[in-house]
Amino acid sequence: MKVQEIQIDNKKRYVLIDEENNTPVLPVVKYLKYLDNLGKAENTLRAYCRHLKFYFQFLEGKKM
């Protein structure tokens, strides 16, 4: 998994990408969009995305 920074309307947004099939992790995308709509700061969105990446990696490790 990796955190991808993208530019939309001259604002930085963050997306968590599953590198196995190269698709966004939809629950994380939806949650970050919700936080963005609440007006959370860019640093907050980046930190949440990074921490959710660690959480999803932990969950993947528990499956095996």
N, C-alpha and C. Protein backbone atom coordinates (compact mmCIF):
# COMPACT_ATOMS: atom_id res chain seq x y z
N MET A 1 0.84 -1.17 0.00
CA MET A 1 0.00 0.00 0.00
C MET A 1 0.89 1.23 0.00
N LYS A 2 0.37 2.28 -0.64
CA LYS A 2 1.13 3.52 -0.65
C LYS A 2 0.16 4.70 -0.61
N VAL A 3 0.64 5.80 -0.04
CA VAL A 3 -0.12 7.04 0.00
C VAL A 3 0.24 7.84 -1.24
N GLN A 4 -0.77 8.20 -2.02
CA GLN A 4 -0.57 8.95 -3.26
C GLN A 4 -1.13 10.35 -3.09
N GLU A 5 -0.31 11.34 -3.38
CA GLU A 5 -0.74 12.74 -3.32
C GLU A 5 -1.25 13.14 -4.70
N ILE A 6 -2.42 13.76 -4.75
CA ILE A 6 -2.98 14.23 -6.02
C ILE A 6 -3.41 15.68 -5.87
N GLN A 7 -3.48 16.40 -6.98
CA GLN A 7 -3.91 17.80 -7.00
C GLN A 7 -5.32 17.88 -7.60
N ILE A 8 -6.25 18.44 -6.86
CA ILE A 8 -7.61 18.68 -7.35
C ILE A 8 -7.98 20.10 -6.94
N ASP A 9 -8.34 20.92 -7.93
CA ASP A 9 -8.72 22.31 -7.67
C ASP A 9 -7.65 23.06 -6.89
N ASN A 10 -6.38 22.85 -7.26
CA ASN A 10 -5.24 23.50 -6.62
C ASN A 10 -5.12 23.18 -5.13
N LYS A 11 -5.67 22.05 -4.71
CA LYS A 11 -5.54 21.58 -3.33
C LYS A 11 -4.93 20.19 -3.36
N LYS A 12 -4.08 19.92 -2.40
CA LYS A 12 -3.50 18.58 -2.29
C LYS A 12 -4.50 17.67 -1.60
N ARG A 13 -4.70 16.51 -2.18
CA ARG A 13 -5.55 15.49 -1.60
C ARG A 13 -4.73 14.21 -1.53
N TYR A 14 -5.15 13.29 -0.69
CA TYR A 14 -4.40 12.06 -0.47
C TYR A 14 -5.30 10.86 -0.66
N VAL A 15 -4.73 9.82 -1.29
CA VAL A 15 -5.45 8.60 -1.59
C VAL A 15 -4.56 7.43 -1.19
N LEU A 16 -5.16 6.41 -0.61
CA LEU A 16 -4.43 5.20 -0.28
C LEU A 16 -4.61 4.21 -1.43
N ILE A 17 -3.50 3.78 -2.02
CA ILE A 17 -3.51 2.89 -3.17
C ILE A 17 -3.06 1.50 -2.75
N ASP A 18 -3.85 0.50 -3.12
CA ASP A 18 -3.47 -0.90 -2.91
C ASP A 18 -2.58 -1.30 -4.08
N GLU A 19 -1.30 -1.50 -3.81
CA GLU A 19 -0.34 -1.77 -4.88
C GLU A 19 -0.52 -3.16 -5.50
N GLU A 20 -1.21 -4.04 -4.81
CA GLU A 20 -1.42 -5.38 -5.34
C GLU A 20 -2.23 -5.35 -6.63
N ASN A 21 -3.31 -4.56 -6.65
CA ASN A 21 -4.13 -4.45 -7.86
C ASN A 21 -4.23 -3.02 -8.36
N ASN A 22 -3.43 -2.12 -7.78
CA ASN A 22 -3.31 -0.73 -8.24
C ASN A 22 -4.65 0.02 -8.25
N THR A 23 -5.41 -0.15 -7.17
CA THR A 23 -6.70 0.54 -7.04
C THR A 23 -6.75 1.26 -5.69
N PRO A 24 -7.56 2.32 -5.61
CA PRO A 24 -7.71 3.00 -4.32
C PRO A 24 -8.48 2.15 -3.33
N VAL A 25 -8.17 2.32 -2.06
CA VAL A 25 -8.89 1.64 -0.98
C VAL A 25 -10.12 2.50 -0.68
N LEU A 26 -11.28 2.05 -1.13
CA LEU A 26 -12.49 2.87 -1.10
C LEU A 26 -12.93 3.35 0.28
N PRO A 27 -12.88 2.52 1.33
CA PRO A 27 -13.28 3.05 2.64
C PRO A 27 -12.42 4.24 3.09
N VAL A 28 -11.13 4.18 2.78
CA VAL A 28 -10.22 5.27 3.14
C VAL A 28 -10.51 6.51 2.30
N VAL A 29 -10.76 6.32 1.01
CA VAL A 29 -11.06 7.44 0.12
C VAL A 29 -12.32 8.16 0.60
N LYS A 30 -13.35 7.39 0.93
CA LYS A 30 -14.61 7.98 1.38
C LYS A 30 -14.43 8.73 2.70
N TYR A 31 -13.66 8.15 3.61
CA TYR A 31 -13.43 8.80 4.91
C TYR A 31 -12.64 10.09 4.74
N LEU A 32 -11.61 10.07 3.92
CA LEU A 32 -10.81 11.28 3.70
C LEU A 32 -11.63 12.36 3.00
N LYS A 33 -12.52 11.96 2.10
CA LYS A 33 -13.39 12.93 1.45
C LYS A 33 -14.34 13.56 2.47
N TYR A 34 -14.85 12.76 3.38
CA TYR A 34 -15.71 13.27 4.45
C TYR A 34 -14.95 14.29 5.30
N LEU A 35 -13.73 13.95 5.69
CA LEU A 35 -12.92 14.87 6.49
C LEU A 35 -12.61 16.15 5.73
N ASP A 36 -12.35 16.03 4.43
CA ASP A 36 -12.07 17.20 3.61
C ASP A 36 -13.29 18.11 3.54
N ASN A 37 -14.47 17.51 3.42
CA ASN A 37 -15.70 18.30 3.39
C ASN A 37 -15.97 19.00 4.72
N LEU A 38 -15.45 18.45 5.80
CA LEU A 38 -15.57 19.11 7.10
C LEU A 38 -14.60 20.29 7.24
N GLY A 39 -13.64 20.37 6.31
CA GLY A 39 -12.68 21.47 6.33
C GLY A 39 -11.41 21.17 7.11
N LYS A 40 -11.08 19.90 7.26
CA LYS A 40 -9.86 19.54 7.98
C LYS A 40 -8.63 19.99 7.19
N ALA A 41 -7.56 20.26 7.90
CA ALA A 41 -6.32 20.77 7.31
C ALA A 41 -5.63 19.69 6.47
N GLU A 42 -4.83 20.16 5.53
CA GLU A 42 -4.09 19.27 4.63
C GLU A 42 -3.19 18.32 5.42
N ASN A 43 -2.52 18.82 6.44
CA ASN A 43 -1.64 17.97 7.25
C ASN A 43 -2.43 16.89 7.98
N THR A 44 -3.63 17.21 8.41
CA THR A 44 -4.49 16.23 9.08
C THR A 44 -4.88 15.12 8.11
N LEU A 45 -5.27 15.50 6.90
CA LEU A 45 -5.66 14.51 5.90
C LEU A 45 -4.50 13.59 5.55
N ARG A 46 -3.30 14.16 5.40
CA ARG A 46 -2.12 13.35 5.08
C ARG A 46 -1.80 12.40 6.23
N ALA A 47 -1.87 12.89 7.46
CA ALA A 47 -1.57 12.05 8.62
C ALA A 47 -2.59 10.92 8.76
N TYR A 48 -3.87 11.22 8.58
CA TYR A 48 -4.90 10.19 8.66
C TYR A 48 -4.67 9.13 7.59
N CYS A 49 -4.35 9.55 6.38
CA CYS A 49 -4.13 8.61 5.29
C CYS A 49 -2.93 7.71 5.61
N ARG A 50 -1.87 8.30 6.11
CA ARG A 50 -0.67 7.53 6.44
C ARG A 50 -0.96 6.52 7.57
N HIS A 51 -1.69 6.95 8.58
CA HIS A 51 -1.99 6.05 9.70
C HIS A 51 -2.97 4.95 9.28
N LEU A 52 -3.91 5.27 8.41
CA LEU A 52 -4.81 4.24 7.90
C LEU A 52 -4.06 3.22 7.04
N LYS A 53 -3.02 3.67 6.36
CA LYS A 53 -2.16 2.75 5.60
C LYS A 53 -1.53 1.74 6.55
N PHE A 54 -0.97 2.22 7.66
CA PHE A 54 -0.36 1.32 8.64
C PHE A 54 -1.39 0.35 9.20
N TYR A 55 -2.61 0.82 9.45
CA TYR A 55 -3.67 -0.02 9.99
C TYR A 55 -4.06 -1.12 8.99
N PHE A 56 -4.24 -0.76 7.73
CA PHE A 56 -4.61 -1.74 6.72
C PHE A 56 -3.48 -2.75 6.49
N GLN A 57 -2.23 -2.30 6.59
CA GLN A 57 -1.10 -3.24 6.47
C GLN A 57 -1.10 -4.21 7.65
N PHE A 58 -1.42 -3.71 8.83
CA PHE A 58 -1.52 -4.57 10.01
C PHE A 58 -2.61 -5.63 9.80
N LEU A 59 -3.77 -5.20 9.29
CA LEU A 59 -4.86 -6.14 9.05
C LEU A 59 -4.48 -7.20 8.02
N GLU A 60 -3.76 -6.79 6.97
CA GLU A 60 -3.31 -7.76 5.96
C GLU A 60 -2.35 -8.78 6.57
N GLY A 61 -1.50 -8.32 7.46
CA GLY A 61 -0.56 -9.23 8.11
C GLY A 61 -1.24 -10.22 9.04
N LYS A 62 -2.36 -9.83 9.63
CA LYS A 62 -3.10 -10.72 10.51
C LYS A 62 -3.83 -11.82 9.76
N LYS A 63 -4.12 -11.60 8.47
CA LYS A 63 -4.82 -12.61 7.67
C LYS A 63 -3.97 -13.85 7.47
N MET A 64 -2.66 -13.66 7.36
CA MET A 64 -1.77 -14.76 6.99
C MET A 64 -1.39 -15.56 8.18
